[in-house]
């Protein structure tokens, strides 16, 4: 993979050092140069971005907003397209709902063939508010066609995603509660 470049995308910074350093190590072992696009002005999982120092990850500021209704996300899309084109990105792995929406649209425009989306829990689930189903479900279903590998961390999302259009859907158990063990604690 000499010269190959992977781009991790999250809406808020702090996500990669908190949850993805194992994946960063795997990408580096495979020969990828690792890039990270996020809104570094909006750290999460800590109050700064110091944990990225010394990791070798190349960081790119993108002005993502968490709200799907914020017009600033149009600019974030343009910034992401520019990064993908100028860096000649080969693989995109996106996380977080808005980061994943914008990343998949940008990857489609840039004709990137390897797009992975890890959903850390869809906003539409059994018992979710109707507005979540009206807003997020059709968007995720549509954008799945621009997803090579959809990773889900719970069975409800996995079973739903299998009905979408991603080329592959994988289940990797996420952090959660084993309800059977909790019930037996009484």
Protein backbone atom coordinates (compact mmCIF):
# COMPACT_ATOMS: atom_id res chain seq x y z
CA UNK A 1 0.00 0.00 0.00
CA UNK A 2 2.92 2.36 -0.49
CA UNK A 3 1.62 5.89 -0.74
CA UNK A 4 -1.95 4.94 0.10
CA UNK A 5 -3.87 7.47 2.18
CA UNK A 6 -6.74 6.88 4.56
CA UNK A 7 -8.99 9.65 5.85
CA UNK A 8 -10.87 9.29 9.13
CA UNK A 9 -13.82 11.67 9.43
CA UNK A 10 -15.74 12.71 12.55
CA UNK A 11 -17.85 15.76 13.26
CA UNK A 12 -16.14 16.57 16.57
CA UNK A 13 -12.47 16.13 17.42
CA UNK A 14 -11.42 13.84 20.20
CA UNK A 15 -13.24 10.87 18.70
CA UNK A 16 -10.17 9.34 17.06
CA UNK A 17 -7.84 9.50 20.09
CA UNK A 18 -10.65 8.28 22.34
CA UNK A 19 -11.90 5.36 20.24
CA UNK A 20 -9.93 4.80 17.03
CA UNK A 21 -6.22 4.53 17.85
CA UNK A 22 -6.36 0.76 17.36
CA UNK A 23 -7.70 1.31 13.86
CA UNK A 24 -5.03 3.96 13.24
CA UNK A 25 -2.36 1.38 14.16
CA UNK A 26 -3.88 -1.18 11.78
CA UNK A 27 -4.00 1.36 8.94
CA UNK A 28 -0.36 2.28 9.53
CA UNK A 29 0.62 -1.43 9.59
CA UNK A 30 -1.09 -1.79 6.23
CA UNK A 31 1.04 1.08 4.90
CA UNK A 32 -1.51 3.88 4.93
CA UNK A 33 -0.69 7.49 5.68
CA UNK A 34 -3.46 8.43 8.12
CA UNK A 35 -5.35 11.72 7.84
CA UNK A 36 -8.07 12.96 10.17
CA UNK A 37 -10.75 15.50 9.21
CA UNK A 38 -12.77 16.97 12.06
CA UNK A 39 -13.87 20.21 13.64
CA UNK A 40 -10.89 20.74 15.93
CA UNK A 41 -12.57 23.88 17.28
CA UNK A 42 -15.16 21.58 18.84
CA UNK A 43 -13.26 19.02 20.93
CA UNK A 44 -15.20 16.23 22.53
CA UNK A 45 -14.06 13.50 24.92
CA UNK A 46 -11.68 16.02 26.50
CA UNK A 47 -11.19 19.74 26.27
CA UNK A 48 -8.31 19.92 23.78
CA UNK A 49 -6.62 18.00 20.96
CA UNK A 50 -3.28 17.26 22.66
CA UNK A 51 -3.80 13.49 22.49
CA UNK A 52 -3.25 13.66 18.72
CA UNK A 53 0.25 15.14 19.13
CA UNK A 54 2.99 12.68 18.22
CA UNK A 55 0.62 10.17 16.62
CA UNK A 56 1.71 10.91 13.05
CA UNK A 57 -1.90 11.56 12.09
CA UNK A 58 -2.23 14.45 9.63
CA UNK A 59 -5.08 16.66 10.84
CA UNK A 60 -7.41 18.76 8.68
CA UNK A 61 -9.80 21.35 10.09
CA UNK A 62 -13.31 21.00 8.66
CA UNK A 63 -16.07 23.27 9.93
CA UNK A 64 -18.60 20.51 10.62
CA UNK A 65 -21.73 21.33 12.60
CA UNK A 66 -23.65 18.61 14.40
CA UNK A 67 -27.06 19.85 13.32
CA UNK A 68 -28.23 18.56 9.93
CA UNK A 69 -30.02 21.89 9.46
CA UNK A 70 -26.95 24.11 9.85
CA UNK A 71 -26.03 25.72 6.52
CA UNK A 72 -22.34 25.76 7.54
CA UNK A 73 -22.26 22.07 6.61
CA UNK A 74 -22.31 23.09 2.91
CA UNK A 75 -18.92 24.70 3.52
CA UNK A 76 -17.77 21.59 5.41
CA UNK A 77 -18.67 19.53 2.32
CA UNK A 78 -16.54 21.80 0.10
CA UNK A 79 -13.64 21.62 2.57
CA UNK A 80 -13.84 17.83 2.65
CA UNK A 81 -13.94 17.53 -1.14
CA UNK A 82 -10.87 19.77 -1.32
CA UNK A 83 -9.00 17.57 1.19
CA UNK A 84 -9.95 14.36 -0.61
CA UNK A 85 -8.86 15.75 -3.99
CA UNK A 86 -5.68 17.52 -2.91
CA UNK A 87 -4.47 14.62 -0.74
CA UNK A 88 -5.58 11.95 -3.23
CA UNK A 89 -7.35 9.95 -0.53
CA UNK A 90 -7.79 6.21 -1.22
CA UNK A 91 -9.95 5.14 1.72
CA UNK A 92 -12.49 6.99 3.86
CA UNK A 93 -13.64 5.71 7.25
CA UNK A 94 -16.35 7.91 8.71
CA UNK A 95 -18.02 8.07 12.09
CA UNK A 96 -20.66 10.32 13.69
CA UNK A 97 -23.90 11.07 11.83
CA UNK A 98 -23.12 14.40 10.13
CA UNK A 99 -19.50 13.50 9.50
CA UNK A 100 -20.68 10.34 7.78
CA UNK A 101 -23.32 12.14 5.69
CA UNK A 102 -20.87 14.74 4.42
CA UNK A 103 -17.98 12.28 4.02
CA UNK A 104 -20.00 9.85 1.90
CA UNK A 105 -21.29 12.63 -0.35
CA UNK A 106 -17.77 14.04 -0.75
CA UNK A 107 -16.30 10.57 -1.40
CA UNK A 108 -18.94 9.99 -4.09
CA UNK A 109 -18.02 13.28 -5.78
CA UNK A 110 -14.31 12.39 -5.60
CA UNK A 111 -14.95 8.86 -6.88
CA UNK A 112 -13.34 7.22 -3.85
CA UNK A 113 -14.05 3.51 -4.01
CA UNK A 114 -13.35 2.46 -0.42
CA UNK A 115 -15.83 4.04 1.98
CA UNK A 116 -16.44 2.59 5.43
CA UNK A 117 -19.07 3.93 7.80
CA UNK A 118 -19.18 2.82 11.41
CA UNK A 119 -22.55 3.70 12.88
CA UNK A 120 -22.21 3.99 16.62
CA UNK A 121 -25.97 3.69 16.95
CA UNK A 122 -28.49 4.94 14.41
CA UNK A 123 -30.71 7.79 15.59
CA UNK A 124 -33.72 5.77 14.45
CA UNK A 125 -34.36 2.76 16.63
CA UNK A 126 -37.31 1.01 18.18
CA UNK A 127 -38.86 3.61 20.47
CA UNK A 128 -37.04 6.62 18.97
CA UNK A 129 -39.03 9.82 18.40
CA UNK A 130 -40.93 9.97 15.10
CA UNK A 131 -38.90 13.00 13.98
CA UNK A 132 -35.74 10.83 14.13
CA UNK A 133 -37.37 8.34 11.80
CA UNK A 134 -38.54 11.10 9.46
CA UNK A 135 -35.15 12.83 9.32
CA UNK A 136 -32.41 10.24 9.78
CA UNK A 137 -33.87 7.01 8.41
CA UNK A 138 -34.34 8.16 4.78
CA UNK A 139 -30.93 9.87 4.76
CA UNK A 140 -29.10 6.78 6.03
CA UNK A 141 -31.02 4.48 3.70
CA UNK A 142 -30.21 6.67 0.68
CA UNK A 143 -26.53 7.23 1.55
CA UNK A 144 -25.96 3.52 2.14
CA UNK A 145 -25.58 3.21 -1.65
CA UNK A 146 -22.35 5.23 -1.31
CA UNK A 147 -21.05 2.95 1.43
CA UNK A 148 -18.79 0.02 0.65
CA UNK A 149 -18.77 -1.37 4.19
CA UNK A 150 -21.33 -0.48 6.85
CA UNK A 151 -20.26 -1.46 10.35
CA UNK A 152 -22.91 -1.66 13.06
CA UNK A 153 -22.29 -2.16 16.76
CA UNK A 154 -25.71 -3.46 17.78
CA UNK A 155 -28.02 -6.09 16.31
CA UNK A 156 -30.99 -3.77 15.76
CA UNK A 157 -28.90 -1.48 13.52
CA UNK A 158 -27.22 -4.45 11.84
CA UNK A 159 -30.54 -6.08 10.91
CA UNK A 160 -31.88 -2.80 9.57
CA UNK A 161 -28.70 -1.94 7.64
CA UNK A 162 -28.80 -5.34 5.87
CA UNK A 163 -31.96 -4.07 4.14
CA UNK A 164 -30.15 -0.95 2.86
CA UNK A 165 -27.80 -0.70 -0.14
CA UNK A 166 -24.26 -0.89 1.31
CA UNK A 167 -22.10 -3.45 -0.49
CA UNK A 168 -21.23 -5.13 2.83
CA UNK A 169 -22.75 -4.90 6.28
CA UNK A 170 -20.74 -6.12 9.25
CA UNK A 171 -21.61 -6.51 12.90
CA UNK A 172 -18.89 -5.80 15.45
CA UNK A 173 -20.28 -5.89 19.00
CA UNK A 174 -19.91 -2.48 20.61
CA UNK A 175 -19.66 -1.39 24.17
CA UNK A 176 -22.95 -2.20 25.79
CA UNK A 177 -24.73 -3.92 28.58
CA UNK A 178 -25.45 -7.63 28.70
CA UNK A 179 -29.03 -7.39 29.91
CA UNK A 180 -29.08 -11.06 30.96
CA UNK A 181 -26.19 -10.51 33.37
CA UNK A 182 -27.78 -7.33 34.77
CA UNK A 183 -31.10 -9.10 35.42
CA UNK A 184 -29.29 -11.85 37.34
CA UNK A 185 -27.61 -9.41 39.75
CA UNK A 186 -30.67 -9.04 41.97
